[in-house]
Amino acid sequence: MNDLWIVPRMWTESVVYIIGGGPSVKEQLHLIEKLKGKRVIAVNDAYILGDWIPICFFGDAGWLKYHDVEEVIYKKDGITRHGIRSFPGMIVGFNQNKPRSYLYRIERKSDGFSTDPRFLAWNGNSGSAAINLAYLLGAKKIVLIGFDMQLGVDGNSNWHQNLKDNPNANCYTIYMKRMKKIDIEMKEKGVKIDIVNCSPRTQLNIFRAGCLEEEI
């Protein structure tokens, strides 16, 4: 699509679940299966968890080059990869990406928090941008999954294979600062939305902690 997307309030007053890339996702796969039929945003590779997921959002244009194929599973350079074109849900990214028939492109705001459906705040992190997207879609509550903001016990940064860039411990310090900025700007703009972090092992304590089983 050539035209830029204006986010519709199609999930008004809904609970929206956002699946991130933190290692703790592996511990909650049995619960994520129970999200079928619910409002879910998969961040980056989380779309491979099921073709029942309504939206895949990615913020980094470089991510797309590793997934922009038809095959559901394919190998390149000896590495197993997953193709995004076969994903049946909506695929959302920023306007820095070239137009593609399957891609909903939205104008990027560099940081902060957008209440204007024509813009989505990036903040250098796809997870934080997905929170903004959920709000623009009309969510009354946002449930975070895999927002660990730290390396896993095995030293891995993600529950899935990361083909592009593996965050290190220093990256999470930056991510946390930007999350705090989002929280401040939301309050300044009078945004009232319940955000629950259901990641079992997390450094992200800006939002209230919760149990995913209880939030389903």
Protein backbone atom coordinates (compact mmCIF):
# COMPACT_ATOMS: atom_id res chain seq x y z
CA MET A 1 0.00 0.00 0.00
CA ASN A 2 1.34 3.43 -0.97
CA ASP A 3 -0.81 5.56 1.34
CA LEU A 4 0.20 5.93 4.96
CA TRP A 5 -2.03 4.24 7.50
CA ILE A 6 -4.13 6.16 10.01
CA VAL A 7 -4.71 3.89 12.99
CA PRO A 8 -8.44 3.14 13.44
CA ARG A 9 -9.96 2.66 16.88
CA MET A 10 -11.00 -0.87 15.97
CA TRP A 11 -10.23 -2.32 19.41
CA THR A 12 -12.10 0.25 21.49
CA GLU A 13 -12.34 -0.59 25.21
CA SER A 14 -10.51 -3.89 24.65
CA VAL A 15 -7.79 -5.71 26.53
CA VAL A 16 -4.78 -5.89 24.21
CA TYR A 17 -1.96 -8.39 24.75
CA ILE A 18 1.50 -7.52 23.44
CA ILE A 19 4.01 -10.35 23.00
CA GLY A 20 7.58 -9.10 23.06
CA GLY A 21 10.92 -10.76 22.59
CA GLY A 22 12.13 -11.32 26.15
CA PRO A 23 13.42 -14.80 27.08
CA SER A 24 10.61 -15.30 29.62
CA VAL A 25 8.16 -15.87 26.74
CA LYS A 26 9.39 -19.48 26.67
CA GLU A 27 8.01 -19.93 30.19
CA GLN A 28 4.56 -18.74 29.12
CA LEU A 29 3.96 -20.49 25.81
CA HIS A 30 1.22 -22.66 27.35
CA LEU A 31 -0.62 -19.50 28.39
CA ILE A 32 -0.04 -17.66 25.12
CA GLU A 33 -1.95 -20.47 23.38
CA LYS A 34 -4.99 -19.35 25.38
CA LEU A 35 -4.88 -15.91 23.74
CA LYS A 36 -6.44 -17.24 20.53
CA GLY A 37 -9.43 -15.10 19.65
CA LYS A 38 -8.19 -12.15 21.71
CA ARG A 39 -6.65 -8.81 20.68
CA VAL A 40 -2.94 -9.54 20.29
CA ILE A 41 0.00 -7.61 18.88
CA ALA A 42 3.08 -9.68 18.11
CA VAL A 43 6.32 -7.69 18.22
CA ASN A 44 8.85 -8.70 15.57
CA ASP A 45 9.36 -12.49 15.49
CA ALA A 46 6.50 -13.17 17.91
CA TYR A 47 4.22 -13.55 14.88
CA ILE A 48 5.64 -17.06 14.41
CA LEU A 49 3.74 -18.16 17.53
CA GLY A 50 0.53 -18.52 15.55
CA ASP A 51 -1.41 -17.56 12.45
CA TRP A 52 -4.28 -16.60 14.78
CA ILE A 53 -2.44 -13.43 15.87
CA PRO A 54 -4.24 -10.35 14.46
CA ILE A 55 -1.29 -7.93 14.16
CA CYS A 56 2.47 -8.15 13.75
CA PHE A 57 4.34 -4.91 14.42
CA PHE A 58 8.01 -4.27 13.71
CA GLY A 59 9.83 -0.99 14.20
CA ASP A 60 13.23 -1.59 12.63
CA ALA A 61 13.29 -1.48 8.84
CA GLY A 62 16.31 -3.78 8.84
CA TRP A 63 14.25 -6.53 10.44
CA LEU A 64 12.09 -6.89 7.36
CA LYS A 65 14.89 -7.96 5.03
CA TYR A 66 15.27 -11.18 7.00
CA HIS A 67 11.56 -12.03 6.75
CA ASP A 68 10.31 -10.56 3.47
CA VAL A 69 9.58 -13.86 1.70
CA GLU A 70 6.57 -16.06 1.02
CA GLU A 71 7.82 -19.27 2.61
CA VAL A 72 6.56 -19.93 6.13
CA ILE A 73 9.89 -21.54 7.03
CA TYR A 74 12.99 -21.39 4.88
CA LYS A 75 16.75 -21.61 5.20
CA LYS A 76 19.36 -19.11 4.10
CA ASP A 77 23.05 -19.16 4.97
CA GLY A 78 22.36 -22.29 7.00
CA ILE A 79 19.92 -20.44 9.27
CA THR A 80 16.24 -21.29 9.64
CA ARG A 81 14.09 -18.21 9.00
CA HIS A 82 10.39 -17.39 8.93
CA GLY A 83 8.71 -15.54 6.08
CA ILE A 84 6.34 -12.70 6.94
CA ARG A 85 4.41 -12.58 3.65
CA SER A 86 2.50 -15.74 4.51
CA PHE A 87 1.31 -14.25 7.80
CA PRO A 88 -2.48 -13.81 7.47
CA GLY A 89 -2.83 -10.98 9.98
CA MET A 90 -2.04 -7.28 9.59
CA ILE A 91 1.63 -6.37 9.27
CA VAL A 92 2.42 -2.87 10.54
CA GLY A 93 5.67 -0.92 10.21
CA PHE A 94 6.94 2.62 9.85
CA ASN A 95 6.94 4.78 6.72
CA GLN A 96 10.72 4.33 6.36
CA ASN A 97 9.90 0.98 4.76
CA LYS A 98 9.25 0.91 1.02
CA PRO A 99 5.58 0.38 0.09
CA ARG A 100 4.55 -3.26 -0.07
CA SER A 101 1.12 -4.67 -0.86
CA TYR A 102 0.84 -6.36 2.54
CA LEU A 103 2.33 -3.61 4.71
CA TYR A 104 0.44 -1.00 6.72
CA ARG A 105 2.92 1.89 6.99
CA ILE A 106 2.51 4.62 9.58
CA GLU A 107 4.34 7.92 10.03
CA ARG A 108 7.05 7.67 12.66
CA LYS A 109 7.38 10.04 15.61
CA SER A 110 10.89 9.71 17.00
CA ASP A 111 10.04 9.55 20.69
CA GLY A 112 7.47 10.25 23.39
CA PHE A 113 3.86 9.07 23.11
CA SER A 114 1.46 9.83 20.27
CA THR A 115 -2.26 10.43 20.77
CA ASP A 116 -2.64 11.31 17.08
CA PRO A 117 -3.62 8.25 14.98
CA ARG A 118 -1.53 9.56 12.08
CA PHE A 119 1.71 9.07 14.03
CA LEU A 120 3.32 6.33 16.12
CA ALA A 121 6.14 7.01 18.58
CA TRP A 122 9.23 4.86 18.02
CA ASN A 123 11.48 5.46 21.06
CA GLY A 124 14.11 3.20 19.51
CA ASN A 125 12.30 0.05 20.58
CA SER A 126 9.56 -1.98 18.88
CA GLY A 127 8.00 -3.01 22.19
CA SER A 128 7.46 0.55 23.35
CA ALA A 129 6.04 1.51 19.95
CA ALA A 130 3.63 -1.44 20.19
CA ILE A 131 2.30 -0.02 23.47
CA ASN A 132 1.55 3.22 21.65
CA LEU A 133 -0.11 1.26 18.82
CA ALA A 134 -2.35 -0.61 21.27
CA TYR A 135 -3.47 2.70 22.75
CA LEU A 136 -4.27 4.17 19.33
CA LEU A 137 -6.28 1.05 18.49
CA GLY A 138 -8.49 1.83 21.49
CA ALA A 139 -7.19 -0.45 24.27
CA LYS A 140 -8.45 0.14 27.79
CA LYS A 141 -5.89 -2.29 29.21
CA ILE A 142 -2.55 -3.47 27.83
CA VAL A 143 -0.99 -6.72 29.03
CA LEU A 144 2.76 -7.04 28.39
CA ILE A 145 4.38 -10.44 27.79
CA GLY A 146 8.10 -10.89 27.30
CA PHE A 147 9.03 -7.37 28.35
CA ASP A 148 11.96 -8.58 30.45
CA MET A 149 14.34 -5.67 29.87
CA GLN A 150 17.22 -7.94 30.78
CA LEU A 151 19.14 -10.93 29.47
CA GLY A 152 17.84 -14.39 30.25
CA VAL A 153 19.47 -16.77 32.71
CA ASP A 154 21.24 -18.39 29.75
CA GLY A 155 22.56 -15.02 28.57
CA ASN A 156 20.23 -14.83 25.56
CA SER A 157 18.42 -11.61 24.71
CA ASN A 158 15.39 -13.20 23.05
CA TRP A 159 13.22 -16.32 23.25
CA HIS A 160 13.68 -16.71 19.49
CA GLN A 161 16.70 -16.68 17.21
CA ASN A 162 17.75 -13.06 16.65
CA LEU A 163 19.04 -12.66 13.10
CA LYS A 164 19.71 -8.93 13.18
CA ASP A 165 21.04 -7.56 16.46
CA ASN A 166 21.25 -9.06 19.91
CA PRO A 167 20.72 -6.44 22.63
CA ASN A 168 23.35 -6.38 25.35
CA ALA A 169 22.92 -5.38 28.98
CA ASN A 170 23.64 -1.73 28.18
CA CYS A 171 20.77 -1.59 25.67
CA TYR A 172 18.25 -2.28 28.41
CA THR A 173 19.39 0.77 30.36
CA ILE A 174 18.51 2.89 27.32
CA TYR A 175 15.20 1.08 26.80
CA MET A 176 14.25 1.65 30.44
CA LYS A 177 14.95 5.39 30.21
CA ARG A 178 12.74 5.65 27.15
CA MET A 179 9.98 3.67 28.84
CA LYS A 180 10.07 6.14 31.72
CA LYS A 181 9.77 8.99 29.23
CA ILE A 182 6.72 7.30 27.71
CA ASP A 183 5.13 6.99 31.14
CA ILE A 184 5.78 10.65 31.91
CA GLU A 185 4.37 11.85 28.59
CA MET A 186 1.27 9.68 28.96
CA LYS A 187 0.56 11.32 32.31
CA GLU A 188 1.24 14.80 30.92
CA LYS A 189 -1.26 14.14 28.11
CA GLY A 190 -3.87 12.76 30.49
CA VAL A 191 -3.74 9.28 28.96
CA LYS A 192 -5.46 6.86 31.32
CA ILE A 193 -4.84 3.25 30.45
CA ASP A 194 -4.08 0.24 32.61
CA ILE A 195 -0.76 -1.34 31.64
CA VAL A 196 0.12 -4.65 33.30
CA ASN A 197 3.55 -6.25 32.95
CA CYS A 198 3.05 -10.02 33.10
CA SER A 199 6.65 -10.92 32.30
CA PRO A 200 7.70 -13.29 35.13
CA ARG A 201 11.30 -12.04 35.22
CA THR A 202 11.59 -8.36 34.43
CA GLN A 203 13.36 -5.14 35.32
CA LEU A 204 10.49 -3.05 33.95
CA ASN A 205 8.77 -1.81 37.10
CA ILE A 206 7.18 1.36 35.70
CA PHE A 207 3.90 -0.47 35.15
CA ARG A 208 2.12 -2.62 37.69
CA ALA A 209 3.13 -6.28 37.82
CA GLY A 210 0.61 -8.99 37.07
CA CYS A 211 0.14 -12.69 36.42
CA LEU A 212 -0.70 -13.64 32.85
CA GLU A 213 -2.92 -16.53 33.89
CA GLU A 214 -5.08 -14.11 35.87
CA GLU A 215 -5.22 -11.59 32.99
CA ILE A 216 -6.52 -14.01 30.36
